[in-house]
Protein backbone atom coordinates (compact mmCIF):
# COMPACT_ATOMS: atom_id res chain seq x y z
CA MET A 1 116.69 90.71 98.69
CA GLN A 2 113.55 88.88 97.58
CA ARG A 3 111.23 88.49 100.49
CA GLY A 4 109.42 85.17 100.53
CA LEU A 5 105.73 85.17 99.71
CA ASN A 6 105.03 81.90 101.47
CA ALA A 7 104.80 83.42 104.92
CA MET A 8 101.41 84.21 106.39
CA PRO A 9 99.90 87.25 104.65
CA GLU A 10 100.41 90.63 106.23
CA GLN A 11 98.23 93.70 106.17
CA ARG A 12 100.12 96.77 107.33
CA SER A 13 97.54 99.50 107.54
CA SER A 14 96.49 102.35 109.75
CA ASP A 15 93.41 104.19 110.85
CA PRO A 16 92.16 105.91 107.65
CA ASP A 17 91.11 108.96 109.63
CA ASN A 18 94.60 109.43 111.11
CA SER A 19 96.71 108.61 108.05
CA PRO A 20 98.59 111.23 105.99
CA VAL A 21 96.12 110.50 103.21
CA ALA A 22 93.23 111.85 105.26
CA GLY A 23 95.05 115.14 105.75
CA GLU A 24 95.88 115.39 102.05
CA ILE A 25 92.25 114.77 101.12
CA ALA A 26 91.06 117.37 103.63
CA ALA A 27 93.58 119.88 102.24
CA GLY A 28 92.34 119.32 98.70
CA GLU A 29 95.62 117.75 97.63
CA ARG A 30 94.28 114.28 96.89
CA PHE A 31 91.14 112.55 95.64
CA ALA A 32 89.58 110.01 97.97
CA PHE A 33 90.36 107.06 95.73
CA GLY A 34 89.70 104.53 98.48
CA ARG A 35 86.16 105.78 99.07
CA ASN A 36 85.39 105.43 95.39
CA TRP A 37 86.78 101.88 95.33
CA GLU A 38 84.76 100.99 98.40
CA ARG A 39 81.58 101.92 96.52
CA PHE A 40 82.77 99.98 93.46
CA LEU A 41 82.94 96.77 95.50
CA GLY A 42 79.15 96.97 95.79
CA VAL A 43 78.79 96.26 92.07
CA LEU A 44 81.65 93.79 91.71
CA ASP A 45 80.53 90.38 90.45
CA ASP A 46 82.09 87.32 88.89
CA GLU A 47 81.60 88.63 85.35
CA ARG A 48 83.65 91.73 86.13
CA ILE A 49 86.36 89.59 87.71
CA GLN A 50 86.51 87.44 84.59
CA HIS A 51 86.89 90.55 82.41
CA ALA A 52 89.77 91.70 84.62
CA GLU A 53 91.46 88.32 84.21
CA GLN A 54 90.99 88.45 80.44
CA SER A 55 92.55 91.91 80.25
CA LEU A 56 95.67 90.52 81.95
CA ARG A 57 95.77 87.57 79.55
CA ASP A 58 95.38 89.82 76.52
CA MET A 59 98.00 92.42 77.43
CA LEU A 60 100.54 90.04 78.97
CA GLU A 61 99.90 87.44 76.25
CA ILE A 62 99.74 84.60 78.74
CA HIS A 63 97.19 81.95 79.68
CA ASP A 64 97.79 81.99 83.43
CA LEU A 65 100.22 83.26 86.06
CA ALA A 66 101.04 79.97 87.75
CA GLY A 67 104.42 80.12 89.44
CA LYS A 68 104.75 83.89 88.87
CA ARG A 69 105.27 86.61 91.45
CA PHE A 70 102.82 89.47 90.81
CA LEU A 71 103.05 92.93 92.39
CA ASP A 72 99.98 95.18 92.29
CA VAL A 73 101.22 98.75 92.78
CA GLY A 74 98.35 100.92 94.00
CA SER A 75 95.93 98.03 94.28
CA GLY A 76 92.83 100.24 94.61
CA SER A 77 89.77 98.00 94.80
CA GLY A 78 91.96 94.89 94.76
CA LEU A 79 90.25 93.62 91.59
CA PHE A 80 93.46 92.95 89.69
CA SER A 81 95.20 91.44 92.69
CA LEU A 82 92.24 89.08 92.88
CA ALA A 83 92.40 88.39 89.14
CA ALA A 84 96.11 87.59 89.34
CA ARG A 85 95.62 85.35 92.36
CA ARG A 86 92.83 83.45 90.59
CA MET A 87 95.23 82.99 87.67
CA GLY A 88 97.70 81.25 89.96
CA ALA A 89 100.15 84.01 90.92
CA ASP A 90 101.75 84.68 94.28
CA VAL A 91 100.46 88.20 94.84
CA SER A 92 101.73 91.21 96.77
CA SER A 93 99.43 94.23 96.89
CA PHE A 94 100.04 97.66 98.31
CA ASP A 95 98.40 101.05 98.21
CA TYR A 96 99.03 104.45 99.75
CA ASP A 97 95.37 104.97 100.67
CA PRO A 98 94.30 102.95 103.76
CA GLN A 99 90.75 102.59 102.43
CA SER A 100 92.11 101.03 99.25
CA VAL A 101 94.16 98.66 101.39
CA ALA A 102 90.94 97.76 103.21
CA CYS A 103 89.14 97.15 99.90
CA THR A 104 91.87 94.79 98.75
CA ALA A 105 91.78 92.99 102.09
CA GLU A 106 88.00 92.65 101.76
CA LEU A 107 88.37 90.89 98.42
CA ARG A 108 90.93 88.53 99.89
CA ARG A 109 88.50 87.83 102.75
CA ARG A 110 85.69 87.07 100.29
CA PHE A 111 87.60 84.90 97.85
CA PHE A 112 90.88 83.71 99.46
CA PRO A 113 90.47 83.84 103.26
CA ASN A 114 93.66 83.14 105.23
CA ASP A 115 95.55 82.70 101.98
CA ASP A 116 99.33 82.52 102.40
CA ARG A 117 100.03 83.51 98.79
CA TRP A 118 98.42 86.95 98.84
CA ARG A 119 100.15 89.65 100.89
CA ILE A 120 98.50 93.06 101.41
CA GLU A 121 100.26 96.11 102.84
CA ARG A 122 100.03 99.86 103.03
CA GLY A 123 102.97 101.52 101.32
CA SER A 124 104.02 104.25 98.92
CA VAL A 125 105.62 103.84 95.51
CA LEU A 126 107.62 106.98 96.42
CA ASP A 127 109.16 105.36 99.52
CA PRO A 128 112.48 103.71 98.52
CA LYS A 129 112.94 102.03 101.90
CA TYR A 130 109.54 100.35 101.64
CA LEU A 131 110.11 99.33 98.02
CA ASN A 132 113.51 97.83 98.84
CA SER A 133 111.78 95.54 101.33
CA LEU A 134 109.65 94.00 98.58
CA GLY A 135 112.28 92.47 96.32
CA THR A 136 111.56 91.88 92.63
CA PHE A 137 108.68 90.33 90.72
CA ASP A 138 107.90 88.54 87.47
CA VAL A 139 105.01 90.91 86.78
CA VAL A 140 104.71 94.44 88.14
CA TYR A 141 101.29 95.95 87.50
CA ALA A 142 100.53 99.67 87.95
CA TRP A 143 97.45 100.56 85.93
CA GLY A 144 96.37 104.20 86.19
CA VAL A 145 98.33 104.72 89.41
CA LEU A 146 101.68 106.41 88.88
CA HIS A 147 100.21 109.59 87.38
CA HIS A 148 98.31 110.13 90.66
CA THR A 149 101.38 110.22 92.91
CA GLY A 150 102.37 113.85 92.35
CA ALA A 151 105.82 112.64 91.23
CA MET A 152 105.14 110.48 88.19
CA MET A 153 108.66 110.29 86.77
CA GLU A 154 110.08 109.29 90.14
CA ALA A 155 107.39 106.65 90.48
CA LEU A 156 108.14 105.29 86.99
CA GLY A 157 111.80 104.92 87.91
CA ASN A 158 110.92 103.22 91.16
CA VAL A 159 108.69 100.55 89.61
CA ALA A 160 111.39 99.76 87.06
CA GLU A 161 113.58 98.55 89.93
CA LEU A 162 110.88 96.13 91.10
CA VAL A 163 110.89 94.04 87.91
CA CYS A 164 113.12 90.98 87.88
CA PRO A 165 115.31 90.15 84.82
CA LYS A 166 113.07 88.98 81.95
CA GLY A 167 110.07 90.16 83.97
CA SER A 168 107.16 92.25 82.70
CA LEU A 169 105.99 95.74 83.64
CA PHE A 170 102.35 96.55 82.80
CA ILE A 171 101.49 100.23 83.28
CA ALA A 172 98.86 102.69 82.10
CA ILE A 173 99.51 106.43 81.98
CA TYR A 174 97.15 109.28 81.07
CA ASN A 175 97.71 110.60 77.58
CA ASP A 176 99.25 114.07 77.27
CA GLN A 177 96.82 116.36 75.43
CA GLY A 178 98.65 119.61 76.01
CA THR A 179 96.43 122.50 77.09
CA ARG A 180 93.43 120.19 77.35
CA SER A 181 95.26 118.19 80.01
CA VAL A 182 96.10 121.41 81.84
CA ARG A 183 92.39 122.30 81.95
CA TRP A 184 91.50 118.88 83.27
CA ARG A 185 94.11 119.21 85.98
CA ARG A 186 92.46 122.45 87.13
CA ILE A 187 89.04 120.78 87.11
CA LYS A 188 90.30 117.89 89.22
CA ARG A 189 91.94 120.31 91.64
CA LEU A 190 88.62 122.16 91.95
CA TYR A 191 86.78 118.89 92.58
CA CYS A 192 89.12 118.09 95.47
CA SER A 193 89.00 121.60 96.95
CA GLY A 194 85.88 120.96 99.02
CA VAL A 195 82.17 120.28 98.92
CA ALA A 196 81.32 123.34 96.82
CA GLY A 197 83.95 122.52 94.21
CA ARG A 198 82.90 118.89 94.06
CA LEU A 199 79.22 119.78 93.61
CA LEU A 200 80.03 122.31 90.91
CA VAL A 201 82.20 119.92 88.93
CA CYS A 202 79.67 117.11 89.21
CA ALA A 203 76.75 119.35 88.23
CA LEU A 204 78.54 120.64 85.14
CA LEU A 205 80.53 117.64 83.99
CA LEU A 206 78.66 114.46 84.90
CA PRO A 207 76.00 115.34 82.28
CA TYR A 208 78.83 116.11 79.85
CA LEU A 209 80.42 112.69 80.40
CA ALA A 210 77.02 111.00 80.08
CA LEU A 211 76.35 112.78 76.79
CA LEU A 212 79.79 111.87 75.48
CA GLY A 213 79.09 108.24 76.27
CA LEU A 214 75.67 108.45 74.63
CA ARG A 215 77.13 110.03 71.48
CA SER A 216 79.84 107.38 71.30
CA ASP A 217 77.30 104.57 71.67
CA LEU A 218 74.98 106.00 69.01
CA ARG A 219 77.82 106.59 66.54
CA ALA A 220 78.92 102.99 67.00
CA GLY A 221 75.36 101.75 66.52
CA ARG A 222 75.13 100.45 70.09
CA ASN A 223 72.07 100.50 72.30
CA PRO A 224 73.11 102.93 75.10
CA LEU A 225 71.48 100.85 77.83
CA THR A 226 73.12 97.67 76.59
CA ALA A 227 76.46 99.46 76.29
CA TYR A 228 76.14 100.76 79.86
CA ARG A 229 75.47 97.27 81.21
CA SER A 230 78.33 95.77 79.19
CA TYR A 231 80.86 98.48 80.10
CA GLY A 232 82.87 96.07 82.22
CA ARG A 233 83.58 93.85 79.22
CA GLU A 234 85.23 96.79 77.44
CA ALA A 235 86.89 98.38 80.48
CA ARG A 236 88.77 95.66 82.36
CA GLY A 237 85.77 94.80 84.52
CA MET A 238 85.39 98.33 85.82
CA SER A 239 82.23 100.45 86.26
CA ARG A 240 81.36 103.40 84.02
CA VAL A 241 79.92 105.52 86.86
CA TYR A 242 82.82 104.97 89.26
CA ASP A 243 85.27 105.55 86.41
CA TRP A 244 83.55 108.93 85.86
CA PHE A 245 84.14 109.96 89.47
CA ASP A 246 87.71 108.71 89.32
CA TRP A 247 88.27 110.81 86.20
CA LEU A 248 86.67 113.98 87.56
CA GLY A 249 88.40 113.85 90.93
CA GLY A 250 91.61 111.97 90.16
CA TYR A 251 94.16 114.35 91.64
CA PRO A 252 97.21 114.62 91.70
CA PHE A 253 97.15 114.38 87.91
CA GLU A 254 100.06 114.04 85.49
CA VAL A 255 100.28 112.91 81.88
CA GLY A 256 102.81 111.56 79.41
CA LYS A 257 103.20 111.16 75.67
CA PRO A 258 103.60 107.51 74.52
CA GLU A 259 107.04 108.25 73.08
CA GLU A 260 108.18 109.79 76.37
CA ILE A 261 107.18 106.69 78.32
CA PHE A 262 108.80 104.43 75.72
CA ASP A 263 112.08 106.37 75.78
CA PHE A 264 112.13 106.47 79.58
CA PHE A 265 112.06 102.68 79.87
CA ARG A 266 114.25 101.99 76.82
CA ARG A 267 117.04 103.91 78.52
CA ARG A 268 116.63 101.59 81.52
CA GLY A 269 117.02 98.38 79.55
CA PHE A 270 113.35 97.61 78.87
CA SER A 271 111.85 96.60 75.53
CA LEU A 272 108.26 97.37 74.56
CA GLN A 273 106.12 94.23 74.16
CA ARG A 274 102.64 95.66 73.82
CA LEU A 275 101.19 99.15 73.36
CA THR A 276 97.54 100.12 73.31
CA THR A 277 96.87 103.82 72.85
CA ASN A 278 93.59 105.60 73.39
CA GLY A 279 93.66 107.20 69.95
CA GLY A 280 94.73 110.60 71.23
CA GLY A 281 91.85 110.84 73.71
CA GLU A 282 91.66 111.61 77.40
CA GLY A 283 92.18 108.16 78.81
CA CYS A 284 95.23 105.99 79.43
CA ASN A 285 97.80 104.54 77.09
CA GLN A 286 98.73 100.99 78.13
CA PHE A 287 102.27 99.63 77.96
CA VAL A 288 103.79 96.23 78.60
CA PHE A 289 107.59 96.29 78.86
CA ARG A 290 110.04 93.40 79.23
CA LYS A 291 113.16 93.90 81.33
CA GLY A 292 116.39 92.80 79.73
């Protein structure tokens, strides 16, 4: 049953220190995504928000989202919930990490206080009972989220059920690079294992990521400082530094080949509308599917 989005917004959350997430982080089973997003909010500005909006327009091939129901699965910082709301959508946002829920709520407080068309909750994409309470949506958005659940294929199947007939599913999944992906999984696990592991990974690999970025900028004939400042225009309004930490620590970590993702959703009655690959690199492949 579709739950109305015109009721007063909710925010189901819990004490971050007492949530299951806190225990998983302490056990080295999960990256503290919410803490990273909390720091990202310190650099969020209107330009980054506009880039986020444009990325939705480009991939969904729409001008606005007026009259649409938009679900942000794993809302993280809340940036894309905010972008969708500014584009006219009725927005539901949820995240497993209470600090991410708090980040999303903070953006609503800043830009849409007491808004009755933006609902924020804590929930899991692996919880069928919770998902059944949400109903279906015109646009379901899960960018860089489902491969961090520890059960990616289950999560992919679950989000498919949240899309209404003729609705759109916009997801991004890490590219499968075989043994290279296996090595990165071990690095991420080490990062999350404790302070020593985190310091070791950062000491060895932050310079590596910086040099990769420098080499890419120089090969493309870009001024590295200008490219750093303009990163948000090329990366959905995000931040290069906080993306680095998300990459190094983003655990659980799963990957998928583009053809695997395509076949998975084709068998469930979806058609591929847009595909943007990362050229075989380490980042995400982006997919927009239409249901029915």
